[in-house]
Amino acid sequence: KLLGLLAQSKAVITVADPESELAAAATEGGFGLNIPPARPQEVALVLDSLAQDPARLAAYGAAGNIYGQQFGKTHGFESCLKELGAL
């Protein structure tokens, strides 16, 4: 589901342990923010803040689209072929 959101240029807010791969991807990809679990007020504040900042949402969406392209089917297939020495 994450790749689908990224392909649609949508900002992503994750709720995950800060040490998780999901949180690391959001930070690395610059496509959104991570909120640690059990912080519903923080989630609400972030959502309210983003709702008032369309430029920030667009920036997260664009970054997510770029980040997600590395996992595209074509790219993955080409990577496999390179590994096998077929390309």
PDB file of N, CA and C in Angstrom:
ATOM      1  N   LYS A   1       0.819  -1.188   0.000  1.00  0.00           N
ATOM      2  CA  LYS A   1       0.000   0.000   0.000  1.00  0.00           C
ATOM      3  C   LYS A   1       0.863   1.251   0.000  1.00  0.00           C
ATOM      4  N   LEU A   2       2.002   1.196   0.651  1.00  0.00           N
ATOM      5  CA  LEU A   2       2.878   2.367   0.696  1.00  0.00           C
ATOM      6  C   LEU A   2       3.320   2.771  -0.703  1.00  0.00           C
ATOM      7  N   LEU A   3       3.723   1.813  -1.516  1.00  0.00           N
ATOM      8  CA  LEU A   3       4.183   2.139  -2.866  1.00  0.00           C
ATOM      9  C   LEU A   3       3.062   2.738  -3.702  1.00  0.00           C
ATOM     10  N   GLY A   4       1.851   2.301  -3.479  1.00  0.00           N
ATOM     11  CA  GLY A   4       0.711   2.876  -4.182  1.00  0.00           C
ATOM     12  C   GLY A   4       0.520   4.342  -3.842  1.00  0.00           C
ATOM     13  N   LEU A   5       0.651   4.669  -2.564  1.00  0.00           N
ATOM     14  CA  LEU A   5       0.541   6.074  -2.144  1.00  0.00           C
ATOM     15  C   LEU A   5       1.668   6.909  -2.731  1.00  0.00           C
ATOM     16  N   LEU A   6       2.865   6.358  -2.706  1.00  0.00           N
ATOM     17  CA  LEU A   6       4.013   7.084  -3.246  1.00  0.00           C
ATOM     18  C   LEU A   6       3.851   7.306  -4.750  1.00  0.00           C
ATOM     19  N   ALA A   7       3.352   6.309  -5.457  1.00  0.00           N
ATOM     20  CA  ALA A   7       3.158   6.425  -6.906  1.00  0.00           C
ATOM     21  C   ALA A   7       2.118   7.490  -7.242  1.00  0.00           C
ATOM     22  N   GLN A   8       1.195   7.738  -6.322  1.00  0.00           N
ATOM     23  CA  GLN A   8       0.163   8.744  -6.521  1.00  0.00           C
ATOM     24  C   GLN A   8       0.586  10.113  -5.998  1.00  0.00           C
ATOM     25  N   SER A   9       1.847  10.230  -5.604  1.00  0.00           N
ATOM     26  CA  SER A   9       2.396  11.496  -5.085  1.00  0.00           C
ATOM     27  C   SER A   9       1.631  11.995  -3.859  1.00  0.00           C
ATOM     28  N   LYS A  10       1.346  11.080  -2.950  1.00  0.00           N
ATOM     29  CA  LYS A  10       0.659  11.426  -1.705  1.00  0.00           C
ATOM     30  C   LYS A  10       1.656  11.493  -0.555  1.00  0.00           C
ATOM     31  N   ALA A  11       1.498  12.495   0.294  1.00  0.00           N
ATOM     32  CA  ALA A  11       2.292  12.567   1.521  1.00  0.00           C
ATOM     33  C   ALA A  11       1.888  11.401   2.418  1.00  0.00           C
ATOM     34  N   VAL A  12       2.827  10.924   3.210  1.00  0.00           N
ATOM     35  CA  VAL A  12       2.559   9.772   4.071  1.00  0.00           C
ATOM     36  C   VAL A  12       2.902  10.126   5.512  1.00  0.00           C
ATOM     37  N   ILE A  13       1.960   9.850   6.393  1.00  0.00           N
ATOM     38  CA  ILE A  13       2.201   9.974   7.830  1.00  0.00           C
ATOM     39  C   ILE A  13       2.179   8.551   8.376  1.00  0.00           C
ATOM     40  N   THR A  14       3.301   8.131   8.938  1.00  0.00           N
ATOM     41  CA  THR A  14       3.375   6.787   9.491  1.00  0.00           C
ATOM     42  C   THR A  14       3.289   6.845  11.006  1.00  0.00           C
ATOM     43  N   VAL A  15       2.769   5.804  11.581  1.00  0.00           N
ATOM     44  CA  VAL A  15       2.754   5.638  13.031  1.00  0.00           C
ATOM     45  C   VAL A  15       3.498   4.339  13.279  1.00  0.00           C
ATOM     46  N   ALA A  16       4.765   4.485  13.664  1.00  0.00           N
ATOM     47  CA  ALA A  16       5.622   3.317  13.824  1.00  0.00           C
ATOM     48  C   ALA A  16       6.746   3.637  14.792  1.00  0.00           C
ATOM     49  N   ASP A  17       7.349   2.602  15.302  1.00  0.00           N
ATOM     50  CA  ASP A  17       8.520   2.764  16.162  1.00  0.00           C
ATOM     51  C   ASP A  17       9.567   3.569  15.400  1.00  0.00           C
ATOM     52  N   PRO A  18      10.172   4.561  16.022  1.00  0.00           N
ATOM     53  CA  PRO A  18      11.167   5.382  15.327  1.00  0.00           C
ATOM     54  C   PRO A  18      12.341   4.587  14.764  1.00  0.00           C
ATOM     55  N   GLU A  19      12.601   3.409  15.300  1.00  0.00           N
ATOM     56  CA  GLU A  19      13.705   2.575  14.827  1.00  0.00           C
ATOM     57  C   GLU A  19      13.284   1.616  13.717  1.00  0.00           C
ATOM     58  N   SER A  20      12.017   1.660  13.310  1.00  0.00           N
ATOM     59  CA  SER A  20      11.517   0.719  12.309  1.00  0.00           C
ATOM     60  C   SER A  20      11.968   1.103  10.903  1.00  0.00           C
ATOM     61  N   GLU A  21      11.891   0.123  10.002  1.00  0.00           N
ATOM     62  CA  GLU A  21      12.226   0.371   8.602  1.00  0.00           C
ATOM     63  C   GLU A  21      11.257   1.364   7.973  1.00  0.00           C
ATOM     64  N   LEU A  22      10.002   1.321   8.385  1.00  0.00           N
ATOM     65  CA  LEU A  22       9.004   2.242   7.853  1.00  0.00           C
ATOM     66  C   LEU A  22       9.354   3.686   8.210  1.00  0.00           C
ATOM     67  N   ALA A  23       9.700   3.920   9.464  1.00  0.00           N
ATOM     68  CA  ALA A  23      10.090   5.274   9.888  1.00  0.00           C
ATOM     69  C   ALA A  23      11.357   5.715   9.175  1.00  0.00           C
ATOM     70  N   ALA A  24      12.304   4.808   9.023  1.00  0.00           N
ATOM     71  CA  ALA A  24      13.551   5.132   8.328  1.00  0.00           C
ATOM     72  C   ALA A  24      13.283   5.481   6.870  1.00  0.00           C
ATOM     73  N   ALA A  25      12.376   4.762   6.221  1.00  0.00           N
ATOM     74  CA  ALA A  25      12.048   5.042   4.823  1.00  0.00           C
ATOM     75  C   ALA A  25      11.416   6.421   4.680  1.00  0.00           C
ATOM     76  N   ALA A  26      10.505   6.768   5.580  1.00  0.00           N
ATOM     77  CA  ALA A  26       9.863   8.083   5.518  1.00  0.00           C
ATOM     78  C   ALA A  26      10.893   9.194   5.661  1.00  0.00           C
ATOM     79  N   THR A  27      11.841   9.000   6.542  1.00  0.00           N
ATOM     80  CA  THR A  27      12.893   9.991   6.743  1.00  0.00           C
ATOM     81  C   THR A  27      13.832  10.029   5.545  1.00  0.00           C
ATOM     82  N   GLU A  28      14.297   8.870   5.128  1.00  0.00           N
ATOM     83  CA  GLU A  28      15.235   8.776   3.999  1.00  0.00           C
ATOM     84  C   GLU A  28      14.618   9.315   2.716  1.00  0.00           C
ATOM     85  N   GLY A  29      13.370   8.944   2.479  1.00  0.00           N
ATOM     86  CA  GLY A  29      12.700   9.351   1.251  1.00  0.00           C
ATOM     87  C   GLY A  29      12.157  10.765   1.288  1.00  0.00           C
ATOM     88  N   GLY A  30      12.020  11.337   2.472  1.00  0.00           N
ATOM     89  CA  GLY A  30      11.495  12.695   2.598  1.00  0.00           C
ATOM     90  C   GLY A  30      10.053  12.828   2.149  1.00  0.00           C
ATOM     91  N   PHE A  31       9.289  11.721   2.208  1.00  0.00           N
ATOM     92  CA  PHE A  31       7.922  11.749   1.706  1.00  0.00           C
ATOM     93  C   PHE A  31       6.869  11.935   2.791  1.00  0.00           C
ATOM     94  N   GLY A  32       7.289  12.153   4.019  1.00  0.00           N
ATOM     95  CA  GLY A  32       6.318  12.361   5.081  1.00  0.00           C
ATOM     96  C   GLY A  32       6.977  12.354   6.437  1.00  0.00           C
ATOM     97  N   LEU A  33       6.145  12.127   7.428  1.00  0.00           N
ATOM     98  CA  LEU A  33       6.590  12.153   8.820  1.00  0.00           C
ATOM     99  C   LEU A  33       6.214  10.866   9.524  1.00  0.00           C
ATOM    100  N   ASN A  34       6.975  10.540  10.540  1.00  0.00           N
ATOM    101  CA  ASN A  34       6.657   9.397  11.389  1.00  0.00           C
ATOM    102  C   ASN A  34       6.324   9.900  12.780  1.00  0.00           C
ATOM    103  N   ILE A  35       5.259   9.362  13.335  1.00  0.00           N
ATOM    104  CA  ILE A  35       4.861   9.648  14.715  1.00  0.00           C
ATOM    105  C   ILE A  35       4.988   8.340  15.489  1.00  0.00           C
ATOM    106  N   PRO A  36       5.666   8.363  16.620  1.00  0.00           N
ATOM    107  CA  PRO A  36       5.744   7.139  17.420  1.00  0.00           C
ATOM    108  C   PRO A  36       4.347   6.706  17.888  1.00  0.00           C
ATOM    109  N   PRO A  37       4.154   5.421  18.117  1.00  0.00           N
ATOM    110  CA  PRO A  37       2.847   4.928  18.583  1.00  0.00           C
ATOM    111  C   PRO A  37       2.422   5.582  19.899  1.00  0.00           C
ATOM    112  N   ALA A  38       1.126   5.535  20.141  1.00  0.00           N
ATOM    113  CA  ALA A  38       0.506   6.016  21.382  1.00  0.00           C
ATOM    114  C   ALA A  38       0.620   7.533  21.555  1.00  0.00           C
ATOM    115  N   ARG A  39       0.608   8.255  20.442  1.00  0.00           N
ATOM    116  CA  ARG A  39       0.650   9.724  20.499  1.00  0.00           C
ATOM    117  C   ARG A  39      -0.437  10.309  19.584  1.00  0.00           C
ATOM    118  N   PRO A  40      -1.697  10.012  19.880  1.00  0.00           N
ATOM    119  CA  PRO A  40      -2.772  10.458  18.998  1.00  0.00           C
ATOM    120  C   PRO A  40      -2.863  11.978  18.869  1.00  0.00           C
ATOM    121  N   GLN A  41      -2.549  12.707  19.933  1.00  0.00           N
ATOM    122  CA  GLN A  41      -2.606  14.167  19.858  1.00  0.00           C
ATOM    123  C   GLN A  41      -1.569  14.697  18.868  1.00  0.00           C
ATOM    124  N   GLU A  42      -0.403  14.065  18.833  1.00  0.00           N
ATOM    125  CA  GLU A  42       0.640  14.477  17.899  1.00  0.00           C
ATOM    126  C   GLU A  42       0.219  14.198  16.457  1.00  0.00           C
ATOM    127  N   VAL A  43      -0.433  13.064  16.245  1.00  0.00           N
ATOM    128  CA  VAL A  43      -0.941  12.748  14.910  1.00  0.00           C
ATOM    129  C   VAL A  43      -1.935  13.830  14.482  1.00  0.00           C
ATOM    130  N   ALA A  44      -2.851  14.181  15.370  1.00  0.00           N
ATOM    131  CA  ALA A  44      -3.853  15.202  15.057  1.00  0.00           C
ATOM    132  C   ALA A  44      -3.200  16.546  14.745  1.00  0.00           C
ATOM    133  N   LEU A  45      -2.200  16.933  15.517  1.00  0.00           N
ATOM    134  CA  LEU A  45      -1.507  18.200  15.267  1.00  0.00           C
ATOM    135  C   LEU A  45      -0.804  18.206  13.914  1.00  0.00           C
ATOM    136  N   VAL A  46      -0.151  17.107  13.583  1.00  0.00           N
ATOM    137  CA  VAL A  46       0.544  17.004  12.293  1.00  0.00           C
ATOM    138  C   VAL A  46      -0.461  17.072  11.151  1.00  0.00           C
ATOM    139  N   LEU A  47      -1.566  16.365  11.274  1.00  0.00           N
ATOM    140  CA  LEU A  47      -2.579  16.392  10.226  1.00  0.00           C
ATOM    141  C   LEU A  47      -3.150  17.795  10.047  1.00  0.00           C
ATOM    142  N   ASP A  48      -3.440  18.469  11.148  1.00  0.00           N
ATOM    143  CA  ASP A  48      -3.943  19.843  11.070  1.00  0.00           C
ATOM    144  C   ASP A  48      -2.922  20.768  10.418  1.00  0.00           C
ATOM    145  N   SER A  49      -1.671  20.608  10.806  1.00  0.00           N
ATOM    146  CA  SER A  49      -0.605  21.440  10.250  1.00  0.00           C
ATOM    147  C   SER A  49      -0.464  21.226   8.746  1.00  0.00           C
ATOM    148  N   LEU A  50      -0.466  19.975   8.324  1.00  0.00           N
ATOM    149  CA  LEU A  50      -0.326  19.671   6.899  1.00  0.00           C
ATOM    150  C   LEU A  50      -1.536  20.134   6.096  1.00  0.00           C
ATOM    151  N   ALA A  51      -2.707  20.081   6.694  1.00  0.00           N
ATOM    152  CA  ALA A  51      -3.914  20.530   5.995  1.00  0.00           C
ATOM    153  C   ALA A  51      -3.831  22.018   5.665  1.00  0.00           C
ATOM    154  N   GLN A  52      -3.056  22.749   6.437  1.00  0.00           N
ATOM    155  CA  GLN A  52      -2.892  24.189   6.223  1.00  0.00           C
ATOM    156  C   GLN A  52      -1.692  24.523   5.350  1.00  0.00           C
ATOM    157  N   ASP A  53      -0.980  23.520   4.878  1.00  0.00           N
ATOM    158  CA  ASP A  53       0.265  23.760   4.147  1.00  0.00           C
ATOM    159  C   ASP A  53       0.322  22.933   2.859  1.00  0.00           C
ATOM    160  N   PRO A  54      -0.436  23.335   1.836  1.00  0.00           N
ATOM    161  CA  PRO A  54      -0.469  22.557   0.600  1.00  0.00           C
ATOM    162  C   PRO A  54       0.897  22.442  -0.085  1.00  0.00           C
ATOM    163  N   ALA A  55       1.748  23.429   0.077  1.00  0.00           N
ATOM    164  CA  ALA A  55       3.083  23.352  -0.540  1.00  0.00           C
ATOM    165  C   ALA A  55       3.904  22.234   0.091  1.00  0.00           C
ATOM    166  N   ARG A  56       3.792  22.084   1.381  1.00  0.00           N
ATOM    167  CA  ARG A  56       4.517  21.011   2.082  1.00  0.00           C
ATOM    168  C   ARG A  56       3.976  19.641   1.671  1.00  0.00           C
ATOM    169  N   LEU A  57       2.651  19.539   1.552  1.00  0.00           N
ATOM    170  CA  LEU A  57       2.048  18.290   1.087  1.00  0.00           C
ATOM    171  C   LEU A  57       2.540  17.939  -0.308  1.00  0.00           C
ATOM    172  N   ALA A  58       2.591  18.936  -1.174  1.00  0.00           N
ATOM    173  CA  ALA A  58       3.058  18.700  -2.541  1.00  0.00           C
ATOM    174  C   ALA A  58       4.520  18.274  -2.554  1.00  0.00           C
ATOM    175  N   ALA A  59       5.331  18.888  -1.698  1.00  0.00           N
ATOM    176  CA  ALA A  59       6.749  18.522  -1.633  1.00  0.00           C
ATOM    177  C   ALA A  59       6.924  17.090  -1.147  1.00  0.00           C
ATOM    178  N   TYR A  60       6.170  16.709  -0.124  1.00  0.00           N
ATOM    179  CA  TYR A  60       6.219  15.319   0.354  1.00  0.00           C
ATOM    180  C   TYR A  60       5.767  14.368  -0.748  1.00  0.00           C
ATOM    181  N   GLY A  61       4.703  14.726  -1.449  1.00  0.00           N
ATOM    182  CA  GLY A  61       4.191  13.879  -2.520  1.00  0.00           C
ATOM    183  C   GLY A  61       5.202  13.689  -3.640  1.00  0.00           C
ATOM    184  N   ALA A  62       5.850  14.779  -4.043  1.00  0.00           N
ATOM    185  CA  ALA A  62       6.859  14.691  -5.110  1.00  0.00           C
ATOM    186  C   ALA A  62       8.039  13.831  -4.676  1.00  0.00           C
ATOM    187  N   ALA A  63       8.482  14.029  -3.440  1.00  0.00           N
ATOM    188  CA  ALA A  63       9.605  13.238  -2.921  1.00  0.00           C
ATOM    189  C   ALA A  63       9.229  11.760  -2.852  1.00  0.00           C
ATOM    190  N   GLY A  64       7.996  11.476  -2.458  1.00  0.00           N
ATOM    191  CA  GLY A  64       7.544  10.101  -2.376  1.00  0.00           C
ATOM    192  C   GLY A  64       7.491   9.433  -3.734  1.00  0.00           C
ATOM    193  N   ASN A  65       7.052  10.175  -4.736  1.00  0.00           N
ATOM    194  CA  ASN A  65       6.999   9.619  -6.087  1.00  0.00           C
ATOM    195  C   ASN A  65       8.399   9.246  -6.557  1.00  0.00           C
ATOM    196  N   ILE A  66       9.348  10.120  -6.319  1.00  0.00           N
ATOM    197  CA  ILE A  66      10.743   9.843  -6.700  1.00  0.00           C
ATOM    198  C   ILE A  66      11.290   8.655  -5.918  1.00  0.00           C
ATOM    199  N   TYR A  67      11.053   8.642  -4.617  1.00  0.00           N
ATOM    200  CA  TYR A  67      11.540   7.548  -3.772  1.00  0.00           C
ATOM    201  C   TYR A  67      10.937   6.215  -4.205  1.00  0.00           C
ATOM    202  N   GLY A  68       9.650   6.201  -4.492  1.00  0.00           N
ATOM    203  CA  GLY A  68       8.964   4.965  -4.843  1.00  0.00           C
ATOM    204  C   GLY A  68       9.387   4.391  -6.181  1.00  0.00           C
ATOM    205  N   GLN A  69       9.897   5.239  -7.070  1.00  0.00           N
ATOM    206  CA  GLN A  69      10.295   4.759  -8.392  1.00  0.00           C
ATOM    207  C   GLN A  69      11.405   3.713  -8.321  1.00  0.00           C
ATOM    208  N   GLN A  70      12.209   3.751  -7.290  1.00  0.00           N
ATOM    209  CA  GLN A  70      13.278   2.751  -7.182  1.00  0.00           C
ATOM    210  C   GLN A  70      12.739   1.348  -6.949  1.00  0.00           C
ATOM    211  N   PHE A  71      11.468   1.251  -6.578  1.00  0.00           N
ATOM    212  CA  PHE A  71      10.854  -0.045  -6.320  1.00  0.00           C
ATOM    213  C   PHE A  71       9.877  -0.447  -7.411  1.00  0.00           C
ATOM    214  N   GLY A  72       9.851   0.312  -8.500  1.00  0.00           N
ATOM    215  CA  GLY A  72       8.934   0.034  -9.598  1.00  0.00           C
ATOM    216  C   GLY A  72       9.207  -1.328 -10.204  1.00  0.00           C
ATOM    217  N   LYS A  73       8.199  -1.897 -10.829  1.00  0.00           N
ATOM    218  CA  LYS A  73       8.317  -3.235 -11.423  1.00  0.00           C
ATOM    219  C   LYS A  73       9.410  -3.276 -12.474  1.00  0.00           C
ATOM    220  N   THR A  74       9.455  -2.289 -13.337  1.00  0.00           N
ATOM    221  CA  THR A  74      10.464  -2.287 -14.395  1.00  0.00           C
ATOM    222  C   THR A  74      11.857  -2.208 -13.803  1.00  0.00           C
ATOM    223  N   HIS A  75      12.031  -1.304 -12.848  1.00  0.00           N
ATOM    224  CA  HIS A  75      13.343  -1.159 -12.226  1.00  0.00           C
ATOM    225  C   HIS A  75      13.756  -2.450 -11.535  1.00  0.00           C
ATOM    226  N   GLY A  76      12.829  -3.050 -10.815  1.00  0.00           N
ATOM    227  CA  GLY A  76      13.137  -4.298 -10.117  1.00  0.00           C
ATOM    228  C   GLY A  76      13.504  -5.403 -11.074  1.00  0.00           C
ATOM    229  N   PHE A  77      12.807  -5.492 -12.184  1.00  0.00           N
ATOM    230  CA  PHE A  77      13.091  -6.502 -13.190  1.00  0.00           C
ATOM    231  C   PHE A  77      14.471  -6.268 -13.797  1.00  0.00           C
ATOM    232  N   GLU A  78      14.769  -5.008 -14.122  1.00  0.00           N
ATOM    233  CA  GLU A  78      16.086  -4.693 -14.683  1.00  0.00           C
ATOM    234  C   GLU A  78      17.198  -5.006 -13.687  1.00  0.00           C
ATOM    235  N   SER A  79      16.966  -4.731 -12.420  1.00  0.00           N
ATOM    236  CA  SER A  79      17.967  -5.032 -11.392  1.00  0.00           C
ATOM    237  C   SER A  79      18.233  -6.528 -11.325  1.00  0.00           C
ATOM    238  N   CYS A  80      17.178  -7.326 -11.418  1.00  0.00           N
ATOM    239  CA  CYS A  80      17.339  -8.789 -11.394  1.00  0.00           C
ATOM    240  C   CYS A  80      18.146  -9.260 -12.594  1.00  0.00           C
ATOM    241  N   LEU A  81      17.836  -8.705 -13.761  1.00  0.00           N
ATOM    242  CA  LEU A  81      18.556  -9.095 -14.968  1.00  0.00           C
ATOM    243  C   LEU A  81      20.046  -8.733 -14.857  1.00  0.00           C
ATOM    244  N   LYS A  82      20.335  -7.580 -14.298  1.00  0.00           N
ATOM    245  CA  LYS A  82      21.734  -7.168 -14.104  1.00  0.00           C
ATOM    246  C   LYS A  82      22.437  -8.124 -13.152  1.00  0.00           C
ATOM    247  N   GLU A  83      21.744  -8.519 -12.091  1.00  0.00           N
ATOM    248  CA  GLU A  83      22.329  -9.449 -11.132  1.00  0.00           C
ATOM    249  C   GLU A  83      22.651 -10.780 -11.806  1.00  0.00           C
ATOM    250  N   LEU A  84      21.800 -11.183 -12.724  1.00  0.00           N
ATOM    251  CA  LEU A  84      21.996 -12.448 -13.421  1.00  0.00           C
ATOM    252  C   LEU A  84      22.968 -12.327 -14.588  1.00  0.00           C
ATOM    253  N   GLY A  85      23.397 -11.101 -14.867  1.00  0.00           N
ATOM    254  CA  GLY A  85      24.326 -10.876 -15.966  1.00  0.00           C
ATOM    255  C   GLY A  85      23.652 -10.866 -17.326  1.00  0.00           C
ATOM    256  N   ALA A  86      22.348 -10.728 -17.336  1.00  0.00           N
ATOM    257  CA  ALA A  86      21.620 -10.725 -18.603  1.00  0.00           C
ATOM    258  C   ALA A  86      21.592  -9.345 -19.252  1.00  0.00           C
ATOM    259  N   LEU A  87      21.954  -8.316 -18.513  1.00  0.00           N
ATOM    260  CA  LEU A  87      22.009  -6.949 -19.090  1.00  0.00           C
ATOM    261  C   LEU A  87      23.403  -6.391 -18.990  1.00  0.00           C
TER     262      LEU A  87
END
